[in-house]
Amino acid sequence: MDAGEYGMGLSAFSLVPLNDCPRNAYYMDGVFAAADGRPFVRSNMICVFERYAGEIGWRHYDVNNKVRESRPKVTLVTRMAASVGNYDYIIDWEFQMDGVIRIKVGLTGMLMVKGTPLQNMNQVLPHENTSGTLVSENVIGVLHDHFVTFYLDMDVDGPVNSFVKVNLVKEETSPGESPRKSYLRTKRHVARSEREAQIKLKLYDPSEFHVVNPEKKSRVGNPSGYKVVPGATAASLLDINDPPQVRGAFTNNQGSCNREEGHCGVVHTRVPSHSMPRGFPNYAHCVGKL
């Protein structure tokens, strides 16, 4: 099932004050297009509120001068909820005071289930595949997965953006150079094609993913940019030629970028051609899987 076939927006419904959003929330209506093209309005589709959960935004204690400073973490949240089939997706965009933008997706609603003659786990035969977990008499919660993909149009400090992979690599020291045997350094690579901008996360190949504007520099010469940080990502276990996997081929990688309209995608990603020496200058859209 692809939620895009239904429309996450069209599948969204009004939020319930005090239950779906806190008391201090401001609500916004949504305007939709009906099948005949006529606009219609749904009320309370988005809520906006400040969140303070007792967390620390920043703190430091200067031992030498006995100076202590602390700031609370207060964020601005925009929220919507979409009911797609038996599931409800709660989508939060959270904007922090330090410039960090977090995307959070919560899953609630009803379990996907199927019927079974089983009433207790002691009835399951050895090596029998129930395709899920027995959650009640004659009811199995079906084993399946969800991939949530975002397409981010970055435009960091302007439309001329590049996608940069920053690999953390081990450098071994020369004999007699140091008591240390190895140290860490970074290796930057500006993607010059969509293939180079594909992301496959690996535990022993740690990397950062930057979207930068090579034409805009800071006072010390660093390009303006944002770091795209994958969240709880996962890879599909299906055979690459399995029909559902062919249909959902965007899950073959955890990120990708494309040059078209300057977009990047993160199941998590982005891109230009080999004629663009600095990467994909017209690229502004990132896709990512959270």
Protein backbone atom coordinates (compact mmCIF):
# COMPACT_ATOMS: atom_id res chain seq x y z
CA MET A 1 0.00 0.00 0.00
CA ASP A 2 1.31 3.41 -0.93
CA ALA A 3 -0.18 6.23 1.12
CA GLY A 4 0.53 8.48 -1.85
CA GLU A 5 -2.25 6.70 -3.73
CA TYR A 6 -4.69 7.87 -1.09
CA GLY A 7 -3.10 11.21 -0.33
CA MET A 8 -1.82 11.86 3.16
CA GLY A 9 -3.55 15.23 2.99
CA LEU A 10 -6.89 13.89 1.81
CA SER A 11 -6.62 11.16 4.46
CA ALA A 12 -6.15 13.78 7.19
CA PHE A 13 -9.00 14.67 9.49
CA SER A 14 -9.73 17.33 12.07
CA LEU A 15 -7.68 17.33 15.23
CA VAL A 16 -9.41 17.05 18.60
CA PRO A 17 -8.55 20.01 20.87
CA LEU A 18 -6.95 19.06 24.21
CA ASN A 19 -6.58 15.43 23.10
CA ASP A 20 -4.65 15.64 19.83
CA CYS A 21 -2.98 18.95 20.71
CA PRO A 22 -2.30 20.80 23.99
CA ARG A 23 -4.30 23.65 25.45
CA ASN A 24 -1.98 26.33 24.05
CA ALA A 25 -2.33 25.16 20.42
CA TYR A 26 -3.45 27.35 17.53
CA TYR A 27 -5.52 25.56 14.87
CA MET A 28 -5.51 26.06 11.11
CA ASP A 29 -8.08 24.90 8.58
CA GLY A 30 -7.22 23.00 5.41
CA VAL A 31 -8.54 23.65 1.90
CA PHE A 32 -8.90 20.61 -0.37
CA ALA A 33 -9.97 19.94 -3.94
CA ALA A 34 -12.98 17.65 -4.40
CA ALA A 35 -13.24 15.12 -7.25
CA ASP A 36 -14.99 17.75 -9.37
CA GLY A 37 -12.24 20.29 -8.65
CA ARG A 38 -14.28 22.41 -6.29
CA PRO A 39 -12.53 23.51 -3.08
CA PHE A 40 -13.85 22.53 0.32
CA VAL A 41 -12.65 23.30 3.84
CA ARG A 42 -11.92 21.01 6.78
CA SER A 43 -11.48 22.68 10.14
CA ASN A 44 -8.68 22.16 12.65
CA MET A 45 -6.45 20.23 10.24
CA ILE A 46 -3.15 21.55 11.62
CA CYS A 47 -2.21 22.68 15.08
CA VAL A 48 0.76 24.85 16.03
CA PHE A 49 2.06 25.06 19.59
CA GLU A 50 5.10 25.62 21.78
CA ARG A 51 6.39 22.51 23.52
CA TYR A 52 8.30 22.47 26.78
CA ALA A 53 8.88 19.00 28.20
CA GLY A 54 11.30 19.91 30.96
CA GLU A 55 14.33 19.27 28.75
CA ILE A 56 17.54 21.31 28.68
CA GLY A 57 18.24 23.29 25.54
CA TRP A 58 21.78 24.28 26.53
CA ARG A 59 23.85 24.42 29.69
CA HIS A 60 27.44 24.75 30.88
CA TYR A 61 29.27 25.10 34.15
CA ASP A 62 32.62 26.89 34.12
CA VAL A 63 34.61 25.20 36.88
CA ASN A 64 37.34 27.84 36.94
CA ASN A 65 35.07 30.86 37.21
CA LYS A 66 32.21 29.12 39.03
CA VAL A 67 29.73 30.39 36.43
CA ARG A 68 26.66 28.35 35.60
CA GLU A 69 24.32 29.03 32.68
CA SER A 70 21.30 27.03 31.50
CA ARG A 71 18.50 27.44 28.96
CA PRO A 72 15.23 25.48 28.68
CA LYS A 73 14.44 23.62 25.48
CA VAL A 74 11.34 25.25 24.00
CA THR A 75 10.34 24.17 20.48
CA LEU A 76 7.67 25.14 17.97
CA VAL A 77 5.61 22.17 16.72
CA THR A 78 3.27 21.90 13.74
CA ARG A 79 1.13 18.74 13.76
CA MET A 80 -1.29 16.91 11.52
CA ALA A 81 -2.89 13.45 11.70
CA ALA A 82 -3.79 11.23 8.74
CA SER A 83 -5.99 8.12 8.91
CA VAL A 84 -4.85 5.71 6.19
CA GLY A 85 -6.77 2.46 6.38
CA ASN A 86 -6.53 1.05 9.89
CA TYR A 87 -3.58 3.25 10.86
CA ASP A 88 -3.35 6.84 12.03
CA TYR A 89 -0.09 8.69 11.41
CA ILE A 90 0.79 11.62 13.68
CA ILE A 91 3.26 13.86 11.85
CA ASP A 92 5.16 16.54 13.78
CA TRP A 93 7.57 19.11 12.39
CA GLU A 94 9.51 20.44 15.35
CA PHE A 95 11.59 23.62 15.06
CA GLN A 96 14.25 24.17 17.72
CA MET A 97 15.78 27.46 18.79
CA ASP A 98 19.24 26.27 17.71
CA GLY A 99 18.09 25.81 14.10
CA VAL A 100 17.54 22.05 14.24
CA ILE A 101 14.41 20.80 12.44
CA ARG A 102 13.10 17.42 13.58
CA ILE A 103 10.49 15.29 11.84
CA LYS A 104 8.63 12.86 14.06
CA VAL A 105 6.10 10.28 12.90
CA GLY A 106 3.91 8.46 15.38
CA LEU A 107 1.84 5.42 14.47
CA THR A 108 -1.44 4.61 16.20
CA GLY A 109 -4.91 3.41 15.27
CA MET A 110 -5.86 -0.27 14.89
CA LEU A 111 -3.69 -3.34 14.37
CA MET A 112 -3.63 -5.07 11.00
CA VAL A 113 -5.02 -8.50 11.81
CA LYS A 114 -6.24 -11.72 10.24
CA GLY A 115 -8.37 -14.61 11.47
CA THR A 116 -6.96 -17.94 12.63
CA PRO A 117 -8.30 -21.16 14.18
CA LEU A 118 -5.62 -20.80 16.88
CA GLN A 119 -6.76 -19.81 20.34
CA ASN A 120 -3.50 -20.31 22.25
CA MET A 121 0.19 -20.43 21.38
CA ASN A 122 0.36 -24.04 22.59
CA GLN A 123 -1.62 -24.95 19.48
CA VAL A 124 1.13 -23.71 17.15
CA LEU A 125 2.96 -26.64 15.58
CA PRO A 126 6.79 -26.68 15.41
CA HIS A 127 8.07 -24.78 12.38
CA GLU A 128 4.56 -23.49 11.63
CA ASN A 129 4.61 -19.98 10.14
CA THR A 130 1.77 -17.94 11.59
CA SER A 131 2.89 -14.76 9.74
CA GLY A 132 2.48 -12.76 12.92
CA THR A 133 1.71 -12.80 16.63
CA LEU A 134 -1.37 -14.27 18.27
CA VAL A 135 -2.85 -11.22 20.00
CA SER A 136 -6.18 -12.71 21.02
CA GLU A 137 -8.21 -15.84 20.46
CA ASN A 138 -8.55 -16.44 16.70
CA VAL A 139 -6.76 -13.15 15.90
CA ILE A 140 -3.21 -12.73 14.56
CA GLY A 141 -1.44 -9.39 14.28
CA VAL A 142 0.10 -9.63 10.81
CA LEU A 143 3.86 -9.18 10.43
CA HIS A 144 4.60 -6.31 8.03
CA ASP A 145 6.61 -3.10 7.82
CA HIS A 146 6.15 0.61 7.17
CA PHE A 147 8.54 2.88 5.28
CA VAL A 148 7.97 6.60 5.70
CA THR A 149 9.68 8.69 3.03
CA PHE A 150 10.13 12.46 2.96
CA TYR A 151 11.04 14.58 -0.06
CA LEU A 152 12.79 17.69 1.17
CA ASP A 153 13.29 20.75 -1.01
CA MET A 154 16.28 22.19 0.80
CA ASP A 155 17.31 25.44 -0.94
CA VAL A 156 19.90 26.12 1.74
CA ASP A 157 20.78 29.82 1.50
CA GLY A 158 19.60 29.77 -2.13
CA PRO A 159 18.90 27.20 -4.88
CA VAL A 160 22.54 26.35 -5.69
CA ASN A 161 23.02 23.33 -3.42
CA SER A 162 25.29 20.27 -3.39
CA PHE A 163 24.96 16.95 -1.58
CA VAL A 164 28.08 15.95 0.34
CA LYS A 165 28.88 12.61 1.94
CA VAL A 166 31.29 13.01 4.85
CA ASN A 167 32.82 9.65 5.76
CA LEU A 168 34.52 9.07 9.09
CA VAL A 169 37.56 6.91 8.33
CA LYS A 170 40.34 5.33 10.34
CA GLU A 171 43.88 6.51 9.69
CA GLU A 172 46.72 4.33 10.98
CA THR A 173 49.83 5.99 12.34
CA SER A 174 53.32 5.29 11.01
CA PRO A 175 55.81 3.36 13.17
CA GLY A 176 57.29 5.70 15.79
CA GLU A 177 54.93 8.55 14.86
CA SER A 178 52.83 8.35 18.01
CA PRO A 179 51.94 6.05 20.90
CA ARG A 180 48.54 5.93 19.24
CA LYS A 181 47.92 3.23 16.64
CA SER A 182 45.17 5.01 14.79
CA TYR A 183 43.02 8.14 14.71
CA LEU A 184 39.95 9.41 12.93
CA ARG A 185 39.65 11.82 10.04
CA THR A 186 36.89 12.93 7.68
CA LYS A 187 36.73 12.33 3.96
CA ARG A 188 34.35 14.51 1.97
CA HIS A 189 32.80 13.56 -1.34
CA VAL A 190 30.52 15.84 -3.36
CA ALA A 191 27.97 13.75 -5.28
CA ARG A 192 28.11 14.23 -9.03
CA SER A 193 25.32 11.81 -9.97
CA GLU A 194 22.20 10.27 -8.53
CA ARG A 195 24.03 6.99 -8.03
CA GLU A 196 26.76 8.69 -6.00
CA ALA A 197 24.07 10.34 -3.87
CA GLN A 198 22.44 7.06 -2.86
CA ILE A 199 22.74 6.28 0.84
CA LYS A 200 23.15 2.84 2.33
CA LEU A 201 23.70 3.04 6.07
CA LYS A 202 26.36 0.74 7.52
CA LEU A 203 27.32 0.38 11.17
CA TYR A 204 31.06 0.22 10.46
CA ASP A 205 31.02 2.88 7.75
CA PRO A 206 29.83 5.94 9.72
CA SER A 207 28.94 8.94 7.60
CA GLU A 208 27.33 12.34 7.72
CA PHE A 209 25.20 13.76 4.94
CA HIS A 210 25.38 17.48 4.25
CA VAL A 211 23.41 19.75 1.95
CA VAL A 212 25.52 22.84 1.31
CA ASN A 213 25.53 25.98 -0.79
CA PRO A 214 29.10 26.16 -2.17
CA GLU A 215 28.59 29.79 -3.18
CA LYS A 216 27.77 31.03 0.34
CA LYS A 217 30.57 30.91 2.91
CA SER A 218 30.80 31.70 6.61
CA ARG A 219 33.32 34.14 8.09
CA VAL A 220 35.88 31.34 8.36
CA GLY A 221 35.18 29.92 4.90
CA ASN A 222 32.79 27.03 5.54
CA PRO A 223 29.82 26.69 3.14
CA SER A 224 26.29 27.32 4.39
CA GLY A 225 24.63 24.00 4.97
CA TYR A 226 22.41 21.62 6.86
CA LYS A 227 23.19 18.11 8.06
CA VAL A 228 20.58 15.48 7.18
CA VAL A 229 20.47 13.06 10.14
CA PRO A 230 18.74 9.70 9.61
CA GLY A 231 16.53 8.56 12.43
CA ALA A 232 15.45 4.97 13.14
CA THR A 233 16.05 3.64 9.66
CA ALA A 234 15.65 0.11 8.33
CA ALA A 235 16.29 -1.77 5.11
CA SER A 236 13.79 -3.96 3.30
CA LEU A 237 14.45 -7.68 3.63
CA LEU A 238 12.45 -8.65 0.54
CA ASP A 239 14.09 -10.04 -2.59
CA ILE A 240 14.93 -7.17 -4.91
CA ASN A 241 12.85 -8.82 -7.67
CA ASP A 242 9.86 -9.48 -5.43
CA PRO A 243 6.87 -7.56 -6.92
CA PRO A 244 6.23 -5.50 -3.73
CA GLN A 245 9.93 -4.58 -3.62
CA VAL A 246 9.98 -3.66 -7.31
CA ARG A 247 7.02 -1.40 -6.66
CA GLY A 248 8.66 0.08 -3.56
CA ALA A 249 12.18 0.27 -5.02
CA PHE A 250 12.77 3.55 -3.20
CA THR A 251 13.43 1.43 -0.10
CA ASN A 252 16.48 -0.18 -1.75
CA ASN A 253 18.47 2.67 -0.23
CA GLN A 254 18.10 4.72 2.93
CA GLY A 255 18.45 7.93 0.98
CA SER A 256 18.77 9.35 -2.52
CA CYS A 257 18.85 12.61 -4.43
CA ASN A 258 17.76 13.67 -7.84
CA ARG A 259 18.56 16.61 -10.01
CA GLU A 260 15.04 17.06 -11.33
CA GLU A 261 13.66 20.33 -10.02
CA GLY A 262 16.56 20.31 -7.58
CA HIS A 263 15.01 17.68 -5.28
CA CYS A 264 16.42 15.24 -2.71
CA GLY A 265 14.79 12.28 -0.99
CA VAL A 266 15.38 10.68 2.45
CA VAL A 267 13.97 6.95 2.89
CA HIS A 268 16.68 9.23 3.16
CA THR A 269 18.48 11.69 -0.43
CA ARG A 270 19.66 14.00 -4.11
CA VAL A 271 21.56 15.18 -7.72
CA PRO A 272 23.22 16.63 -11.16
CA SER A 273 25.26 15.36 -14.01
CA HIS A 274 28.97 14.68 -14.50
CA SER A 275 29.22 18.03 -16.22
CA MET A 276 28.60 19.72 -12.87
CA PRO A 277 31.97 19.71 -11.10
CA ARG A 278 30.66 20.96 -7.76
CA GLY A 279 27.95 18.41 -7.37
CA PHE A 280 24.45 19.14 -8.41
CA PRO A 281 24.16 22.90 -8.19
CA ASN A 282 20.50 22.87 -9.18
CA TYR A 283 19.68 20.18 -6.68
CA ALA A 284 17.46 21.26 -3.84
CA HIS A 285 15.35 18.28 -2.89
CA CYS A 286 16.24 15.49 -0.45
CA VAL A 287 14.42 12.17 0.18
CA GLY A 288 14.75 10.30 3.48
CA LYS A 289 13.37 7.30 5.34
CA LEU A 290 12.74 7.75 9.02
